[in-house]
Structures are given as C-alpha cells and as structure tokens.
Amino acid sequence: MGQRSHYHVYVIELSKDVLLESRFRKANPGYVAGKPCVYVGMTGLDPDLRFDKHKAGMQSNRYVRRFGLRLLPRLYEIYNPMPYDAARDMEVELAIDLRESGYGVWQA
C-alpha cells in the first residue's frame, strides 16, 4: 500500500520584528535587508488550519505565535499535497532555497 498524499509544506510570513531575536539572526547570516522573514513547516493538516493552530498556541512555533502574519501560498502551493516522506524532504529543501535567496528563514 502506498503512502497517502495528504501532507503539505507551508510558508508563513513573519513580522520584521523577528529580526530583533538573536537566535533568528544567527540562523540567517546571509539575510538580505528587505527580503521577507518566513517560517517553513510541514503538516498533515490544511495549511490554513495549521496556521490557526500556531497562532492559538497549539503545538506552535514561538516565532509564528509571536510574529506570524499570513501564509504565503505562492511559495508552496505547487508542491501540495504529497506523501509524508516527500513533504519532510521538501520542507528542508524549500527552507534552504529561500535562505539562499536572501530570505530570513526559520524551519523547525
């Protein structure tokens, strides 16, 4: 039996205030001023529901809870849905690609 393709990668725009966090800055030495700051994740839920859970503090990332603004579907819609293993790998690849493009990225 093959894996069900119901997993999603997602990207959440973070407020620029996240740049005041030293851990975030240290994780992004190549950040290009003016580029977005984002959180990259994966989920078995719909990305909208997952974003709402982050903001409500349920299994949330602290940067998303404090600084999360909105989903950026243009950066991830083309990949979804996919099997678990593909989503796990794509989360890492997407975070690397965005960081190499000068984005400030946090990936859990």
C-alpha atoms as a PDB file:
ATOM      1  CA  MET A   1       0.000   0.000   0.000  1.00  0.00           C
ATOM      2  CA  GLY A   2       1.432   3.408  -0.991  1.00  0.00           C
ATOM      3  CA  GLN A   3       1.587   6.463   1.213  1.00  0.00           C
ATOM      4  CA  ARG A   4      -1.399   8.792   1.139  1.00  0.00           C
ATOM      5  CA  SER A   5      -0.653  12.162  -0.386  1.00  0.00           C
ATOM      6  CA  HIS A   6      -2.250  14.436   2.184  1.00  0.00           C
ATOM      7  CA  TYR A   7       0.805  16.208   3.626  1.00  0.00           C
ATOM      8  CA  HIS A   8       1.640  19.828   2.901  1.00  0.00           C
ATOM      9  CA  VAL A   9       4.597  22.159   3.148  1.00  0.00           C
ATOM     10  CA  TYR A  10       3.694  25.730   4.043  1.00  0.00           C
ATOM     11  CA  VAL A  11       5.362  29.113   4.420  1.00  0.00           C
ATOM     12  CA  ILE A  12       4.295  31.772   6.906  1.00  0.00           C
ATOM     13  CA  GLU A  13       5.429  35.369   6.610  1.00  0.00           C
ATOM     14  CA  LEU A  14       6.874  36.703   9.863  1.00  0.00           C
ATOM     15  CA  SER A  15       6.957  40.302  11.007  1.00  0.00           C
ATOM     16  CA  LYS A  16      10.326  42.004  10.578  1.00  0.00           C
ATOM     17  CA  ASP A  17      10.334  42.307  14.388  1.00  0.00           C
ATOM     18  CA  VAL A  18      11.571  38.703  14.403  1.00  0.00           C
ATOM     19  CA  LEU A  19      14.952  40.168  13.380  1.00  0.00           C
ATOM     20  CA  LEU A  20      15.258  41.502  16.938  1.00  0.00           C
ATOM     21  CA  GLU A  21      15.593  37.868  18.105  1.00  0.00           C
ATOM     22  CA  SER A  22      19.288  36.918  18.254  1.00  0.00           C
ATOM     23  CA  ARG A  23      18.656  33.200  17.533  1.00  0.00           C
ATOM     24  CA  PHE A  24      16.776  34.119  14.367  1.00  0.00           C
ATOM     25  CA  ARG A  25      19.525  36.500  13.215  1.00  0.00           C
ATOM     26  CA  LYS A  26      22.255  33.910  13.924  1.00  0.00           C
ATOM     27  CA  ALA A  27      20.378  31.327  11.843  1.00  0.00           C
ATOM     28  CA  ASN A  28      20.303  33.757   8.902  1.00  0.00           C
ATOM     29  CA  PRO A  29      23.754  35.281   8.400  1.00  0.00           C
ATOM     30  CA  GLY A  30      23.036  35.827   4.688  1.00  0.00           C
ATOM     31  CA  TYR A  31      19.756  37.651   5.222  1.00  0.00           C
ATOM     32  CA  VAL A  32      19.251  40.396   2.624  1.00  0.00           C
ATOM     33  CA  ALA A  33      17.604  43.517   4.047  1.00  0.00           C
ATOM     34  CA  GLY A  34      14.118  43.987   2.622  1.00  0.00           C
ATOM     35  CA  LYS A  35      13.515  40.302   1.884  1.00  0.00           C
ATOM     36  CA  PRO A  36      10.705  38.586   3.788  1.00  0.00           C
ATOM     37  CA  CYS A  37      11.241  36.672   7.002  1.00  0.00           C
ATOM     38  CA  VAL A  38       9.415  33.336   6.965  1.00  0.00           C
ATOM     39  CA  TYR A  39       8.721  30.113   8.799  1.00  0.00           C
ATOM     40  CA  VAL A  40       8.728  26.896   6.740  1.00  0.00           C
ATOM     41  CA  GLY A  41       6.882  23.847   8.019  1.00  0.00           C
ATOM     42  CA  MET A  42       5.071  20.677   7.024  1.00  0.00           C
ATOM     43  CA  THR A  43       1.766  19.270   8.184  1.00  0.00           C
ATOM     44  CA  GLY A  44      -0.847  16.620   7.602  1.00  0.00           C
ATOM     45  CA  LEU A  45      -3.480  19.341   8.058  1.00  0.00           C
ATOM     46  CA  ASP A  46      -4.671  22.026   5.709  1.00  0.00           C
ATOM     47  CA  PRO A  47      -2.079  24.853   5.925  1.00  0.00           C
ATOM     48  CA  ASP A  48      -4.793  27.371   6.922  1.00  0.00           C
ATOM     49  CA  LEU A  49      -5.804  25.224   9.883  1.00  0.00           C
ATOM     50  CA  ARG A  50      -2.167  24.664  10.852  1.00  0.00           C
ATOM     51  CA  PHE A  51      -1.516  28.428  10.799  1.00  0.00           C
ATOM     52  CA  ASP A  52      -4.543  28.970  13.053  1.00  0.00           C
ATOM     53  CA  LYS A  53      -3.198  26.346  15.485  1.00  0.00           C
ATOM     54  CA  HIS A  54       0.201  28.075  15.589  1.00  0.00           C
ATOM     55  CA  LYS A  55      -1.456  31.402  16.383  1.00  0.00           C
ATOM     56  CA  ALA A  56      -3.636  29.784  19.076  1.00  0.00           C
ATOM     57  CA  GLY A  57      -0.563  28.303  20.765  1.00  0.00           C
ATOM     58  CA  MET A  58      -1.377  24.670  19.947  1.00  0.00           C
ATOM     59  CA  GLN A  59       1.812  22.792  19.003  1.00  0.00           C
ATOM     60  CA  SER A  60       3.102  26.140  17.880  1.00  0.00           C
ATOM     61  CA  ASN A  61       6.433  27.573  16.992  1.00  0.00           C
ATOM     62  CA  ARG A  62       7.196  30.603  19.156  1.00  0.00           C
ATOM     63  CA  TYR A  63       8.244  32.749  16.191  1.00  0.00           C
ATOM     64  CA  VAL A  64       4.986  32.016  14.375  1.00  0.00           C
ATOM     65  CA  ARG A  65       2.911  32.581  17.501  1.00  0.00           C
ATOM     66  CA  ARG A  66       4.555  35.959  18.178  1.00  0.00           C
ATOM     67  CA  PHE A  67       5.428  37.192  14.695  1.00  0.00           C
ATOM     68  CA  GLY A  68       3.286  35.211  12.203  1.00  0.00           C
ATOM     69  CA  LEU A  69       1.397  37.436   9.777  1.00  0.00           C
ATOM     70  CA  ARG A  70      -0.032  35.305   6.983  1.00  0.00           C
ATOM     71  CA  LEU A  71       0.508  32.273   4.802  1.00  0.00           C
ATOM     72  CA  LEU A  72       2.434  32.794   1.549  1.00  0.00           C
ATOM     73  CA  PRO A  73       0.789  30.190  -0.711  1.00  0.00           C
ATOM     74  CA  ARG A  74       2.612  31.378  -3.839  1.00  0.00           C
ATOM     75  CA  LEU A  75       5.780  29.866  -2.309  1.00  0.00           C
ATOM     76  CA  TYR A  76       4.360  26.395  -1.612  1.00  0.00           C
ATOM     77  CA  GLU A  77       1.053  25.639  -3.387  1.00  0.00           C
ATOM     78  CA  ILE A  78       2.685  23.946  -6.375  1.00  0.00           C
ATOM     79  CA  TYR A  79       4.154  21.218  -4.151  1.00  0.00           C
ATOM     80  CA  ASN A  80       0.993  20.151  -2.285  1.00  0.00           C
ATOM     81  CA  PRO A  81      -0.334  17.630  -1.470  1.00  0.00           C
ATOM     82  CA  MET A  82       2.345  14.950  -1.238  1.00  0.00           C
ATOM     83  CA  PRO A  83       3.304  11.830   0.735  1.00  0.00           C
ATOM     84  CA  TYR A  84       4.881  12.231   4.192  1.00  0.00           C
ATOM     85  CA  ASP A  85       8.474  11.478   3.120  1.00  0.00           C
ATOM     86  CA  ALA A  86       8.282  13.927   0.225  1.00  0.00           C
ATOM     87  CA  ALA A  87       6.849  16.653   2.481  1.00  0.00           C
ATOM     88  CA  ARG A  88       9.548  16.082   5.098  1.00  0.00           C
ATOM     89  CA  ASP A  89      12.252  16.450   2.455  1.00  0.00           C
ATOM     90  CA  MET A  90      10.556  19.377   0.699  1.00  0.00           C
ATOM     91  CA  GLU A  91      10.329  21.313   3.971  1.00  0.00           C
ATOM     92  CA  VAL A  92      14.122  21.236   4.264  1.00  0.00           C
ATOM     93  CA  GLU A  93      14.742  21.924   0.569  1.00  0.00           C
ATOM     94  CA  LEU A  94      12.326  24.853   0.477  1.00  0.00           C
ATOM     95  CA  ALA A  95      13.880  26.390   3.593  1.00  0.00           C
ATOM     96  CA  ILE A  96      17.356  26.067   2.072  1.00  0.00           C
ATOM     97  CA  ASP A  97      16.223  27.584  -1.248  1.00  0.00           C
ATOM     98  CA  LEU A  98      14.583  30.555   0.456  1.00  0.00           C
ATOM     99  CA  ARG A  99      17.574  31.152   2.741  1.00  0.00           C
ATOM    100  CA  GLU A 100      19.908  31.031  -0.278  1.00  0.00           C
ATOM    101  CA  SER A 101      17.652  33.644  -1.918  1.00  0.00           C
ATOM    102  CA  GLY A 102      18.255  36.021   0.999  1.00  0.00           C
ATOM    103  CA  TYR A 103      15.083  35.356   2.991  1.00  0.00           C
ATOM    104  CA  GLY A 104      15.222  35.181   6.763  1.00  0.00           C
ATOM    105  CA  VAL A 105      14.090  31.594   7.440  1.00  0.00           C
ATOM    106  CA  TRP A 106      13.141  29.562  10.474  1.00  0.00           C
ATOM    107  CA  GLN A 107      12.473  25.888   9.852  1.00  0.00           C
ATOM    108  CA  ALA A 108      11.574  23.513  12.687  1.00  0.00           C
END
